[in-house]
Amino acid sequence: MYSYDGIQLVYQFPIEEDQQKIRSISTISGLKAATVEELKSVGSEYCVSLMDSLPSRLDALREAKQGHTEY
């Protein structure tokens, strides 16, 4: 579901502590554990807002003919 680009976007402006976490992940199980930890820290309101905005995001993508959008 997520590409490496998506993961990079999460850490677009990492702070020192996040950079250390990224360097410490060296196995698939470590990546899974870190992913679960990060998902738990995301608020449900944020997830709902992303889901609510999905139709407009898809419309923008169609209008851009699969090119760049404002999102």
PDB file of N, CA and C in Angstrom:
ATOM      1  N   MET A   1       0.814  -1.187   0.000  1.00  0.00           N
ATOM      2  CA  MET A   1       0.000   0.000   0.000  1.00  0.00           C
ATOM      3  C   MET A   1       0.864   1.261   0.000  1.00  0.00           C
ATOM      4  N   TYR A   2       1.935   1.274   0.763  1.00  0.00           N
ATOM      5  CA  TYR A   2       2.806   2.445   0.815  1.00  0.00           C
ATOM      6  C   TYR A   2       4.075   2.166   0.040  1.00  0.00           C
ATOM      7  N   SER A   3       4.503   3.154  -0.690  1.00  0.00           N
ATOM      8  CA  SER A   3       5.760   3.023  -1.412  1.00  0.00           C
ATOM      9  C   SER A   3       6.882   3.644  -0.578  1.00  0.00           C
ATOM     10  N   TYR A   4       8.080   3.468  -1.035  1.00  0.00           N
ATOM     11  CA  TYR A   4       9.193   4.113  -0.341  1.00  0.00           C
ATOM     12  C   TYR A   4       9.014   5.623  -0.363  1.00  0.00           C
ATOM     13  N   ASP A   5       8.460   6.139  -1.460  1.00  0.00           N
ATOM     14  CA  ASP A   5       8.220   7.582  -1.541  1.00  0.00           C
ATOM     15  C   ASP A   5       7.264   8.018  -0.441  1.00  0.00           C
ATOM     16  N   GLY A   6       6.221   7.226  -0.191  1.00  0.00           N
ATOM     17  CA  GLY A   6       5.277   7.549   0.873  1.00  0.00           C
ATOM     18  C   GLY A   6       5.940   7.582   2.228  1.00  0.00           C
ATOM     19  N   ILE A   7       6.827   6.638   2.481  1.00  0.00           N
ATOM     20  CA  ILE A   7       7.538   6.605   3.754  1.00  0.00           C
ATOM     21  C   ILE A   7       8.434   7.831   3.867  1.00  0.00           C
ATOM     22  N   GLN A   8       9.076   8.203   2.771  1.00  0.00           N
ATOM     23  CA  GLN A   8       9.927   9.386   2.796  1.00  0.00           C
ATOM     24  C   GLN A   8       9.118  10.636   3.103  1.00  0.00           C
ATOM     25  N   LEU A   9       7.879  10.710   2.596  1.00  0.00           N
ATOM     26  CA  LEU A   9       7.046  11.881   2.860  1.00  0.00           C
ATOM     27  C   LEU A   9       6.716  12.006   4.336  1.00  0.00           C
ATOM     28  N   VAL A  10       6.557  10.879   5.014  1.00  0.00           N
ATOM     29  CA  VAL A  10       6.288  10.914   6.445  1.00  0.00           C
ATOM     30  C   VAL A  10       7.449  11.569   7.170  1.00  0.00           C
ATOM     31  N   TYR A  11       8.649  11.324   6.709  1.00  0.00           N
ATOM     32  CA  TYR A  11       9.849  11.856   7.344  1.00  0.00           C
ATOM     33  C   TYR A  11      10.460  12.989   6.522  1.00  0.00           C
ATOM     34  N   GLN A  12       9.619  13.816   5.915  1.00  0.00           N
ATOM     35  CA  GLN A  12      10.124  14.895   5.076  1.00  0.00           C
ATOM     36  C   GLN A  12      10.975  15.874   5.873  1.00  0.00           C
ATOM     37  N   PHE A  13      10.578  16.174   7.100  1.00  0.00           N
ATOM     38  CA  PHE A  13      11.325  17.090   7.955  1.00  0.00           C
ATOM     39  C   PHE A  13      11.614  16.404   9.289  1.00  0.00           C
ATOM     40  N   PRO A  14      12.438  15.341   9.258  1.00  0.00           N
ATOM     41  CA  PRO A  14      12.665  14.588  10.494  1.00  0.00           C
ATOM     42  C   PRO A  14      13.467  15.387  11.518  1.00  0.00           C
ATOM     43  N   ILE A  15      13.172  15.120  12.768  1.00  0.00           N
ATOM     44  CA  ILE A  15      13.984  15.692  13.832  1.00  0.00           C
ATOM     45  C   ILE A  15      15.046  14.666  14.204  1.00  0.00           C
ATOM     46  N   GLU A  16      15.967  15.053  15.002  1.00  0.00           N
ATOM     47  CA  GLU A  16      17.101  14.188  15.347  1.00  0.00           C
ATOM     48  C   GLU A  16      16.660  12.818  15.850  1.00  0.00           C
ATOM     49  N   GLU A  17      15.679  12.791  16.742  1.00  0.00           N
ATOM     50  CA  GLU A  17      15.209  11.522  17.302  1.00  0.00           C
ATOM     51  C   GLU A  17      14.641  10.616  16.214  1.00  0.00           C
ATOM     52  N   ASP A  18      13.881  11.177  15.278  1.00  0.00           N
ATOM     53  CA  ASP A  18      13.316  10.388  14.185  1.00  0.00           C
ATOM     54  C   ASP A  18      14.414   9.836  13.285  1.00  0.00           C
ATOM     55  N   GLN A  19      15.458  10.625  13.050  1.00  0.00           N
ATOM     56  CA  GLN A  19      16.566  10.147  12.232  1.00  0.00           C
ATOM     57  C   GLN A  19      17.237   8.949  12.885  1.00  0.00           C
ATOM     58  N   GLN A  20      17.370   8.970  14.199  1.00  0.00           N
ATOM     59  CA  GLN A  20      17.963   7.841  14.908  1.00  0.00           C
ATOM     60  C   GLN A  20      17.069   6.615  14.795  1.00  0.00           C
ATOM     61  N   LYS A  21      15.745   6.797  14.884  1.00  0.00           N
ATOM     62  CA  LYS A  21      14.815   5.679  14.736  1.00  0.00           C
ATOM     63  C   LYS A  21      14.941   5.059  13.353  1.00  0.00           C
ATOM     64  N   ILE A  22      15.030   5.906  12.324  1.00  0.00           N
ATOM     65  CA  ILE A  22      15.128   5.407  10.958  1.00  0.00           C
ATOM     66  C   ILE A  22      16.387   4.564  10.797  1.00  0.00           C
ATOM     67  N   ARG A  23      17.492   5.044  11.313  1.00  0.00           N
ATOM     68  CA  ARG A  23      18.750   4.302  11.191  1.00  0.00           C
ATOM     69  C   ARG A  23      18.726   2.992  11.964  1.00  0.00           C
ATOM     70  N   SER A  24      17.929   2.919  13.027  1.00  0.00           N
ATOM     71  CA  SER A  24      17.943   1.720  13.858  1.00  0.00           C
ATOM     72  C   SER A  24      17.076   0.600  13.297  1.00  0.00           C
ATOM     73  N   ILE A  25      16.243   0.866  12.303  1.00  0.00           N
ATOM     74  CA  ILE A  25      15.402  -0.174  11.709  1.00  0.00           C
ATOM     75  C   ILE A  25      16.219  -0.906  10.656  1.00  0.00           C
ATOM     76  N   SER A  26      16.486  -2.186  10.914  1.00  0.00           N
ATOM     77  CA  SER A  26      17.324  -2.934   9.982  1.00  0.00           C
ATOM     78  C   SER A  26      16.705  -4.260   9.557  1.00  0.00           C
ATOM     79  N   THR A  27      15.507  -4.580  10.066  1.00  0.00           N
ATOM     80  CA  THR A  27      14.851  -5.829   9.693  1.00  0.00           C
ATOM     81  C   THR A  27      13.398  -5.553   9.326  1.00  0.00           C
ATOM     82  N   ILE A  28      12.787  -6.514   8.652  1.00  0.00           N
ATOM     83  CA  ILE A  28      11.371  -6.391   8.293  1.00  0.00           C
ATOM     84  C   ILE A  28      10.512  -6.341   9.554  1.00  0.00           C
ATOM     85  N   SER A  29      10.827  -7.178  10.532  1.00  0.00           N
ATOM     86  CA  SER A  29      10.030  -7.165  11.764  1.00  0.00           C
ATOM     87  C   SER A  29      10.194  -5.834  12.499  1.00  0.00           C
ATOM     88  N   GLY A  30      11.385  -5.250  12.432  1.00  0.00           N
ATOM     89  CA  GLY A  30      11.602  -3.934  13.023  1.00  0.00           C
ATOM     90  C   GLY A  30      10.797  -2.863  12.310  1.00  0.00           C
ATOM     91  N   LEU A  31      10.715  -2.974  10.984  1.00  0.00           N
ATOM     92  CA  LEU A  31       9.921  -2.031  10.200  1.00  0.00           C
ATOM     93  C   LEU A  31       8.440  -2.166  10.536  1.00  0.00           C
ATOM     94  N   LYS A  32       7.969  -3.413  10.670  1.00  0.00           N
ATOM     95  CA  LYS A  32       6.567  -3.641  11.039  1.00  0.00           C
ATOM     96  C   LYS A  32       6.261  -3.043  12.406  1.00  0.00           C
ATOM     97  N   ALA A  33       7.139  -3.267  13.364  1.00  0.00           N
ATOM     98  CA  ALA A  33       6.926  -2.744  14.719  1.00  0.00           C
ATOM     99  C   ALA A  33       6.920  -1.215  14.713  1.00  0.00           C
ATOM    100  N   ALA A  34       7.842  -0.616  13.969  1.00  0.00           N
ATOM    101  CA  ALA A  34       7.901   0.848  13.895  1.00  0.00           C
ATOM    102  C   ALA A  34       6.659   1.408  13.213  1.00  0.00           C
ATOM    103  N   THR A  35       6.169   0.704  12.199  1.00  0.00           N
ATOM    104  CA  THR A  35       4.958   1.139  11.496  1.00  0.00           C
ATOM    105  C   THR A  35       3.761   1.110  12.424  1.00  0.00           C
ATOM    106  N   VAL A  36       3.610   0.026  13.178  1.00  0.00           N
ATOM    107  CA  VAL A  36       2.500  -0.084  14.126  1.00  0.00           C
ATOM    108  C   VAL A  36       2.589   1.022  15.172  1.00  0.00           C
ATOM    109  N   GLU A  37       3.787   1.286  15.668  1.00  0.00           N
ATOM    110  CA  GLU A  37       3.984   2.339  16.673  1.00  0.00           C
ATOM    111  C   GLU A  37       3.570   3.705  16.119  1.00  0.00           C
ATOM    112  N   GLU A  38       3.970   3.993  14.889  1.00  0.00           N
ATOM    113  CA  GLU A  38       3.622   5.276  14.275  1.00  0.00           C
ATOM    114  C   GLU A  38       2.122   5.372  14.026  1.00  0.00           C
ATOM    115  N   LEU A  39       1.514   4.279  13.562  1.00  0.00           N
ATOM    116  CA  LEU A  39       0.070   4.299  13.307  1.00  0.00           C
ATOM    117  C   LEU A  39      -0.720   4.537  14.584  1.00  0.00           C
ATOM    118  N   LYS A  40      -0.228   4.004  15.692  1.00  0.00           N
ATOM    119  CA  LYS A  40      -0.910   4.220  16.975  1.00  0.00           C
ATOM    120  C   LYS A  40      -0.840   5.681  17.402  1.00  0.00           C
ATOM    121  N   SER A  41       0.187   6.391  16.957  1.00  0.00           N
ATOM    122  CA  SER A  41       0.346   7.788  17.361  1.00  0.00           C
ATOM    123  C   SER A  41      -0.500   8.748  16.516  1.00  0.00           C
ATOM    124  N   VAL A  42      -1.059   8.246  15.413  1.00  0.00           N
ATOM    125  CA  VAL A  42      -1.893   9.080  14.550  1.00  0.00           C
ATOM    126  C   VAL A  42      -3.301   9.118  15.127  1.00  0.00           C
ATOM    127  N   GLY A  43      -3.830  10.305  15.302  1.00  0.00           N
ATOM    128  CA  GLY A  43      -5.167  10.455  15.865  1.00  0.00           C
ATOM    129  C   GLY A  43      -6.251   9.992  14.906  1.00  0.00           C
ATOM    130  N   SER A  44      -7.351   9.501  15.454  1.00  0.00           N
ATOM    131  CA  SER A  44      -8.452   9.022  14.618  1.00  0.00           C
ATOM    132  C   SER A  44      -9.081  10.164  13.828  1.00  0.00           C
ATOM    133  N   GLU A  45      -9.075  11.383  14.378  1.00  0.00           N
ATOM    134  CA  GLU A  45      -9.639  12.526  13.661  1.00  0.00           C
ATOM    135  C   GLU A  45      -8.860  12.782  12.368  1.00  0.00           C
ATOM    136  N   TYR A  46      -7.557  12.625  12.437  1.00  0.00           N
ATOM    137  CA  TYR A  46      -6.722  12.824  11.252  1.00  0.00           C
ATOM    138  C   TYR A  46      -7.060  11.778  10.192  1.00  0.00           C
ATOM    139  N   CYS A  47      -7.215  10.526  10.615  1.00  0.00           N
ATOM    140  CA  CYS A  47      -7.559   9.454   9.676  1.00  0.00           C
ATOM    141  C   CYS A  47      -8.917   9.717   9.033  1.00  0.00           C
ATOM    142  N   VAL A  48      -9.879  10.160   9.832  1.00  0.00           N
ATOM    143  CA  VAL A  48     -11.212  10.459   9.309  1.00  0.00           C
ATOM    144  C   VAL A  48     -11.130  11.596   8.295  1.00  0.00           C
ATOM    145  N   SER A  49     -10.340  12.624   8.597  1.00  0.00           N
ATOM    146  CA  SER A  49     -10.225  13.750   7.661  1.00  0.00           C
ATOM    147  C   SER A  49      -9.583  13.309   6.346  1.00  0.00           C
ATOM    148  N   LEU A  50      -8.625  12.396   6.417  1.00  0.00           N
ATOM    149  CA  LEU A  50      -8.021  11.874   5.190  1.00  0.00           C
ATOM    150  C   LEU A  50      -9.036  11.091   4.371  1.00  0.00           C
ATOM    151  N   MET A  51      -9.821  10.263   5.043  1.00  0.00           N
ATOM    152  CA  MET A  51     -10.849   9.489   4.342  1.00  0.00           C
ATOM    153  C   MET A  51     -11.909  10.409   3.738  1.00  0.00           C
ATOM    154  N   ASP A  52     -12.294  11.440   4.467  1.00  0.00           N
ATOM    155  CA  ASP A  52     -13.299  12.378   3.965  1.00  0.00           C
ATOM    156  C   ASP A  52     -12.794  13.144   2.744  1.00  0.00           C
ATOM    157  N   SER A  53     -11.493  13.397   2.691  1.00  0.00           N
ATOM    158  CA  SER A  53     -10.937  14.162   1.575  1.00  0.00           C
ATOM    159  C   SER A  53     -10.595  13.288   0.368  1.00  0.00           C
ATOM    160  N   LEU A  54     -10.715  11.983   0.502  1.00  0.00           N
ATOM    161  CA  LEU A  54     -10.330  11.085  -0.583  1.00  0.00           C
ATOM    162  C   LEU A  54     -11.090  11.352  -1.882  1.00  0.00           C
ATOM    163  N   PRO A  55     -12.418  11.534  -1.863  1.00  0.00           N
ATOM    164  CA  PRO A  55     -13.111  11.807  -3.133  1.00  0.00           C
ATOM    165  C   PRO A  55     -12.577  13.049  -3.856  1.00  0.00           C
ATOM    166  N   SER A  56     -12.328  14.126  -3.130  1.00  0.00           N
ATOM    167  CA  SER A  56     -11.811  15.333  -3.791  1.00  0.00           C
ATOM    168  C   SER A  56     -10.383  15.122  -4.282  1.00  0.00           C
ATOM    169  N   ARG A  57      -9.616  14.326  -3.567  1.00  0.00           N
ATOM    170  CA  ARG A  57      -8.255  14.022  -4.015  1.00  0.00           C
ATOM    171  C   ARG A  57      -8.280  13.210  -5.310  1.00  0.00           C
ATOM    172  N   LEU A  58      -9.191  12.234  -5.377  1.00  0.00           N
ATOM    173  CA  LEU A  58      -9.312  11.424  -6.592  1.00  0.00           C
ATOM    174  C   LEU A  58      -9.810  12.262  -7.760  1.00  0.00           C
ATOM    175  N   ASP A  59     -10.771  13.161  -7.514  1.00  0.00           N
ATOM    176  CA  ASP A  59     -11.253  14.063  -8.568  1.00  0.00           C
ATOM    177  C   ASP A  59     -10.113  14.931  -9.095  1.00  0.00           C
ATOM    178  N   ALA A  60      -9.302  15.455  -8.192  1.00  0.00           N
ATOM    179  CA  ALA A  60      -8.168  16.290  -8.601  1.00  0.00           C
ATOM    180  C   ALA A  60      -7.176  15.487  -9.434  1.00  0.00           C
ATOM    181  N   LEU A  61      -6.974  14.240  -9.071  1.00  0.00           N
ATOM    182  CA  LEU A  61      -6.062  13.384  -9.822  1.00  0.00           C
ATOM    183  C   LEU A  61      -6.601  13.121 -11.221  1.00  0.00           C
ATOM    184  N   ARG A  62      -7.913  12.859 -11.318  1.00  0.00           N
ATOM    185  CA  ARG A  62      -8.526  12.646 -12.637  1.00  0.00           C
ATOM    186  C   ARG A  62      -8.401  13.900 -13.499  1.00  0.00           C
ATOM    187  N   GLU A  63      -8.680  15.053 -12.917  1.00  0.00           N
ATOM    188  CA  GLU A  63      -8.592  16.309 -13.662  1.00  0.00           C
ATOM    189  C   GLU A  63      -7.162  16.592 -14.116  1.00  0.00           C
ATOM    190  N   ALA A  64      -6.205  16.176 -13.334  1.00  0.00           N
ATOM    191  CA  ALA A  64      -4.793  16.386 -13.682  1.00  0.00           C
ATOM    192  C   ALA A  64      -4.286  15.309 -14.626  1.00  0.00           C
ATOM    193  N   LYS A  65      -5.184  14.421 -15.036  1.00  0.00           N
ATOM    194  CA  LYS A  65      -4.831  13.304 -15.924  1.00  0.00           C
ATOM    195  C   LYS A  65      -3.650  12.522 -15.362  1.00  0.00           C
ATOM    196  N   GLN A  66      -3.742  12.226 -14.082  1.00  0.00           N
ATOM    197  CA  GLN A  66      -2.756  11.455 -13.324  1.00  0.00           C
ATOM    198  C   GLN A  66      -1.427  12.190 -13.163  1.00  0.00           C
ATOM    199  N   GLY A  67      -1.437  13.497 -13.349  1.00  0.00           N
ATOM    200  CA  GLY A  67      -0.239  14.304 -13.131  1.00  0.00           C
ATOM    201  C   GLY A  67      -0.223  14.836 -11.710  1.00  0.00           C
ATOM    202  N   HIS A  68       0.449  15.946 -11.514  1.00  0.00           N
ATOM    203  CA  HIS A  68       0.567  16.551 -10.183  1.00  0.00           C
ATOM    204  C   HIS A  68      -0.730  17.226  -9.772  1.00  0.00           C
ATOM    205  N   THR A  69      -1.012  17.196  -8.480  1.00  0.00           N
ATOM    206  CA  THR A  69      -2.181  17.870  -7.925  1.00  0.00           C
ATOM    207  C   THR A  69      -1.731  18.789  -6.798  1.00  0.00           C
ATOM    208  N   GLU A  70      -2.681  19.537  -6.246  1.00  0.00           N
ATOM    209  CA  GLU A  70      -2.356  20.424  -5.123  1.00  0.00           C
ATOM    210  C   GLU A  70      -2.108  19.648  -3.838  1.00  0.00           C
ATOM    211  N   TYR A  71      -2.467  18.375  -3.830  1.00  0.00           N
ATOM    212  CA  TYR A  71      -2.309  17.587  -2.609  1.00  0.00           C
ATOM    213  C   TYR A  71      -0.905  17.092  -2.549  1.00  0.00           C
TER     214      TYR A  71
END
